[in-house]
Amino acid sequence: MRVTKSKIALLVGLMSVLMLSGCTDWKKNYDALNVEHQNLKGLLERERAEKGQLADQSAKDQQTIADLQKQILVKKKSAAEATGFGEGYDVSFDAAAGTVTVTVSDSILFDSGKVNLKSTTSKELDHICSVLKGKYAGKEVDVVGHTDTDPIRKSKWADNWELSAERALSVTRYLIQKGIPENKIKASGCGPARSIASNSNAAGKQKNRRVEIVVHVRK
């Protein structure tokens, strides 16, 4: 078969077209891959930045919580000192009601299901009584008993209302014996009605089992 110059020129042209077409496809593929690479790089950098921000925010949140806990402790300490009861006592002041409240856990005052005061409670109650007779002499005092929501099962008390009232009476009688005037003090029981924490766990129940000594500073 004779190959003429015209045929050779035609073949060269076709090859050039094919080569150019191949180069074009390769360049398109390269550009597409490069765009995808840049997108992935951007996503990675964004994710790293977000993780860094989350870590910074978490650290800030932890610091905020720590600061609030310190503030609460400082306020409790300040309230205890300002009201005269001193550090180590759970004291709160309600400006609107005009009351100072000292909260004593039942674990300090009583054995489980009992209403007779432990012999070891005299230190706490004697100190509270001395403050009442000194700084708050002549002021009216309420002694309020509280329980958790667990029903009475083994003790002789009809229900938590009776248990809380009897415990309040025990504290009231002790304070009267130590010199608080009978006409300035009264006892009451709230049973489980005024919880200050959740009764779904042991820690919450322990907080709810308490006796509050409420001083009416405006009366």
Protein backbone atom coordinates (compact mmCIF):
# COMPACT_ATOMS: atom_id res chain seq x y z
CA MET A 1 0.00 0.00 0.00
CA ARG A 2 1.46 3.34 -1.02
CA VAL A 3 1.67 5.99 1.60
CA THR A 4 1.42 9.41 0.11
CA LYS A 5 2.42 12.68 1.66
CA SER A 6 -1.19 13.64 1.96
CA LYS A 7 -1.96 10.50 3.98
CA ILE A 8 1.01 11.10 6.25
CA ALA A 9 -0.15 14.64 6.86
CA LEU A 10 -3.62 13.35 7.69
CA LEU A 11 -2.28 10.81 10.18
CA VAL A 12 -0.10 13.44 11.85
CA GLY A 13 -3.13 15.69 12.17
CA LEU A 14 -5.25 12.96 13.71
CA MET A 15 -2.52 12.10 16.21
CA SER A 16 -2.18 15.75 17.17
CA VAL A 17 -5.91 16.00 17.74
CA LEU A 18 -5.88 12.86 19.91
CA MET A 19 -2.89 14.09 21.93
CA LEU A 20 -4.48 17.48 22.48
CA SER A 21 -7.75 15.81 23.48
CA GLY A 22 -5.89 13.61 25.99
CA CYS A 23 -4.06 16.58 27.47
CA THR A 24 -7.32 18.44 27.89
CA ASP A 25 -8.94 15.52 29.77
CA TRP A 26 -5.89 15.12 31.98
CA LYS A 27 -5.89 18.82 32.85
CA LYS A 28 -9.60 18.69 33.69
CA ASN A 29 -9.03 15.71 35.97
CA TYR A 30 -6.10 17.45 37.64
CA ASP A 31 -8.07 20.62 38.21
CA ALA A 32 -10.99 18.64 39.66
CA LEU A 33 -8.69 16.75 42.02
CA ASN A 34 -6.99 19.96 43.04
CA VAL A 35 -10.36 21.57 43.87
CA GLU A 36 -11.36 18.49 45.92
CA HIS A 37 -8.03 18.61 47.74
CA GLN A 38 -8.52 22.27 48.62
CA ASN A 39 -12.04 21.55 49.85
CA LEU A 40 -10.84 18.72 52.09
CA LYS A 41 -8.00 20.87 53.34
CA GLY A 42 -10.47 23.62 54.22
CA LEU A 43 -12.75 21.18 56.05
CA LEU A 44 -9.81 19.78 58.02
CA GLU A 45 -8.62 23.23 59.03
CA ARG A 46 -12.17 24.20 60.05
CA GLU A 47 -12.56 21.02 62.13
CA ARG A 48 -9.25 21.67 63.88
CA ALA A 49 -10.29 25.25 64.59
CA GLU A 50 -13.67 24.13 65.97
CA LYS A 51 -12.02 21.52 68.17
CA GLY A 52 -9.67 24.19 69.46
CA GLN A 53 -12.61 26.48 70.18
CA LEU A 54 -14.47 23.67 71.94
CA ALA A 55 -11.43 22.91 74.06
CA ASP A 56 -11.07 26.59 74.94
CA GLN A 57 -14.78 26.84 75.76
CA SER A 58 -14.64 23.70 77.89
CA ALA A 59 -11.72 25.13 79.84
CA LYS A 60 -13.61 28.41 80.29
CA ASP A 61 -16.73 26.55 81.47
CA GLN A 62 -14.71 24.57 84.00
CA GLN A 63 -13.15 27.78 85.28
CA THR A 64 -16.57 29.43 85.52
CA ILE A 65 -17.92 26.50 87.55
CA ALA A 66 -14.90 26.64 89.85
CA ASP A 67 -15.34 30.40 90.31
CA LEU A 68 -19.05 29.98 91.12
CA GLN A 69 -18.28 27.26 93.66
CA LYS A 70 -15.76 29.57 95.30
CA GLN A 71 -18.31 32.39 95.37
CA ILE A 72 -20.89 30.10 96.99
CA LEU A 73 -18.38 29.05 99.65
CA VAL A 74 -17.40 32.66 100.27
CA LYS A 75 -21.05 33.71 100.55
CA LYS A 76 -21.81 30.87 102.96
CA LYS A 77 -18.77 31.76 105.04
CA SER A 78 -19.67 35.44 104.99
CA ALA A 79 -23.28 34.70 105.96
CA ALA A 80 -22.17 32.46 108.81
CA GLU A 81 -19.78 35.10 110.13
CA ALA A 82 -22.09 38.07 109.57
CA THR A 83 -24.99 36.40 111.36
CA GLY A 84 -22.82 35.49 114.32
CA PHE A 85 -22.90 31.72 114.02
CA GLY A 86 -19.40 31.45 112.59
CA GLU A 87 -17.69 29.26 110.04
CA GLY A 88 -18.78 25.64 109.79
CA TYR A 89 -22.50 26.32 110.12
CA ASP A 90 -24.97 26.24 107.23
CA VAL A 91 -26.52 29.69 107.55
CA SER A 92 -28.65 31.70 105.12
CA PHE A 93 -30.19 35.14 105.34
CA ASP A 94 -33.46 36.04 103.64
CA ALA A 95 -33.60 39.84 103.42
CA ALA A 96 -37.18 39.86 102.10
CA ALA A 97 -38.50 37.68 104.92
CA GLY A 98 -36.19 39.15 107.52
CA THR A 99 -35.02 35.75 108.71
CA VAL A 100 -31.76 34.00 109.50
CA THR A 101 -31.88 30.23 109.09
CA VAL A 102 -29.43 27.71 110.52
CA THR A 103 -29.77 24.28 108.92
CA VAL A 104 -28.61 21.20 110.81
CA SER A 105 -28.51 17.78 109.13
CA ASP A 106 -30.45 14.96 110.75
CA SER A 107 -27.27 12.83 110.66
CA ILE A 108 -25.76 15.22 113.22
CA LEU A 109 -28.85 15.30 115.43
CA PHE A 110 -30.47 11.86 115.26
CA ASP A 111 -29.99 8.20 114.57
CA SER A 112 -32.02 6.79 111.69
CA GLY A 113 -35.76 6.83 112.45
CA LYS A 114 -35.16 8.23 115.95
CA VAL A 115 -36.22 11.48 117.58
CA ASN A 116 -33.97 11.45 120.66
CA LEU A 117 -30.99 13.75 120.21
CA LYS A 118 -27.57 12.17 120.00
CA SER A 119 -25.27 12.99 122.91
CA THR A 120 -22.75 14.36 120.40
CA THR A 121 -25.15 17.07 119.20
CA SER A 122 -24.71 19.21 122.31
CA LYS A 123 -21.70 21.05 120.86
CA GLU A 124 -23.57 22.30 117.79
CA LEU A 125 -26.83 23.06 119.58
CA ASP A 126 -25.10 24.73 122.53
CA HIS A 127 -23.26 27.06 120.17
CA ILE A 128 -26.47 27.88 118.26
CA CYS A 129 -28.26 28.49 121.54
CA SER A 130 -25.54 30.84 122.78
CA VAL A 131 -25.85 32.93 119.58
CA LEU A 132 -29.64 33.01 119.91
CA LYS A 133 -29.42 34.21 123.53
CA GLY A 134 -26.74 36.76 122.71
CA LYS A 135 -27.08 38.31 119.27
CA TYR A 136 -30.78 37.46 118.86
CA ALA A 137 -32.09 37.78 122.38
CA GLY A 138 -35.85 38.35 122.44
CA LYS A 139 -36.33 37.36 118.80
CA GLU A 140 -38.89 34.75 117.79
CA VAL A 141 -37.50 31.38 116.73
CA ASP A 142 -39.12 28.63 114.66
CA VAL A 143 -37.72 25.10 114.76
CA VAL A 144 -38.83 23.24 111.63
CA GLY A 145 -38.31 19.54 110.96
CA HIS A 146 -38.01 18.08 107.44
CA THR A 147 -37.68 14.57 106.00
CA ASP A 148 -37.14 12.92 102.65
CA THR A 149 -39.96 11.17 100.76
CA ASP A 150 -39.13 7.61 101.80
CA PRO A 151 -42.16 6.15 103.58
CA ILE A 152 -41.93 5.11 107.24
CA ARG A 153 -41.49 1.33 107.39
CA LYS A 154 -39.79 0.16 110.60
CA SER A 155 -40.12 2.94 113.17
CA LYS A 156 -43.21 3.62 115.28
CA TRP A 157 -44.07 6.93 113.62
CA ALA A 158 -47.25 7.11 111.58
CA ASP A 159 -45.58 8.98 108.73
CA ASN A 160 -42.86 11.49 107.86
CA TRP A 161 -45.00 14.36 109.13
CA GLU A 162 -45.05 12.91 112.62
CA LEU A 163 -41.35 12.10 112.50
CA SER A 164 -40.41 15.62 111.40
CA ALA A 165 -42.63 17.21 114.06
CA GLU A 166 -41.22 15.05 116.84
CA ARG A 167 -37.68 15.87 115.80
CA ALA A 168 -38.46 19.57 115.78
CA LEU A 169 -39.92 19.17 119.28
CA SER A 170 -36.75 17.47 120.53
CA VAL A 171 -34.60 20.36 119.34
CA THR A 172 -37.07 22.90 120.72
CA ARG A 173 -37.12 21.27 124.16
CA TYR A 174 -33.32 21.24 124.23
CA LEU A 175 -33.10 24.94 123.38
CA ILE A 176 -35.69 25.76 126.05
CA GLN A 177 -33.67 23.80 128.61
CA LYS A 178 -30.65 25.90 127.61
CA GLY A 179 -32.43 29.18 128.22
CA ILE A 180 -34.49 30.12 125.16
CA PRO A 181 -37.81 31.57 126.44
CA GLU A 182 -40.81 29.33 125.81
CA ASN A 183 -42.89 32.24 124.54
CA LYS A 184 -40.30 33.00 121.85
CA ILE A 185 -39.95 29.58 120.28
CA LYS A 186 -42.23 27.13 118.48
CA ALA A 187 -41.85 23.78 116.73
CA SER A 188 -43.39 22.49 113.51
CA GLY A 189 -42.95 19.62 111.09
CA CYS A 190 -43.10 19.80 107.31
CA GLY A 191 -42.46 16.14 106.55
CA PRO A 192 -41.26 15.79 102.92
CA ALA A 193 -43.25 18.79 101.66
CA ARG A 194 -40.38 21.29 101.44
CA SER A 195 -37.54 19.45 99.76
CA ILE A 196 -34.41 21.41 98.86
CA ALA A 197 -32.91 18.64 96.73
CA SER A 198 -33.98 15.68 94.63
CA ASN A 199 -35.24 12.63 96.52
CA SER A 200 -34.13 10.35 93.68
CA ASN A 201 -30.64 9.82 95.10
CA ALA A 202 -28.99 9.34 98.48
CA ALA A 203 -27.21 12.71 98.48
CA GLY A 204 -30.45 14.58 97.83
CA LYS A 205 -32.32 12.66 100.49
CA GLN A 206 -29.62 13.46 103.02
CA LYS A 207 -29.97 17.20 102.31
CA ASN A 208 -33.74 16.99 102.76
CA ARG A 209 -33.49 15.30 106.16
CA ARG A 210 -32.80 18.34 108.29
CA VAL A 211 -33.92 20.65 111.07
CA GLU A 212 -34.02 24.38 110.41
CA ILE A 213 -33.74 26.94 113.18
CA VAL A 214 -35.31 30.11 111.81
CA VAL A 215 -34.75 33.41 113.60
CA HIS A 216 -37.14 36.29 112.82
CA VAL A 217 -34.77 39.21 113.12
CA ARG A 218 -37.43 41.86 112.43
CA LYS A 219 -39.82 40.77 115.13
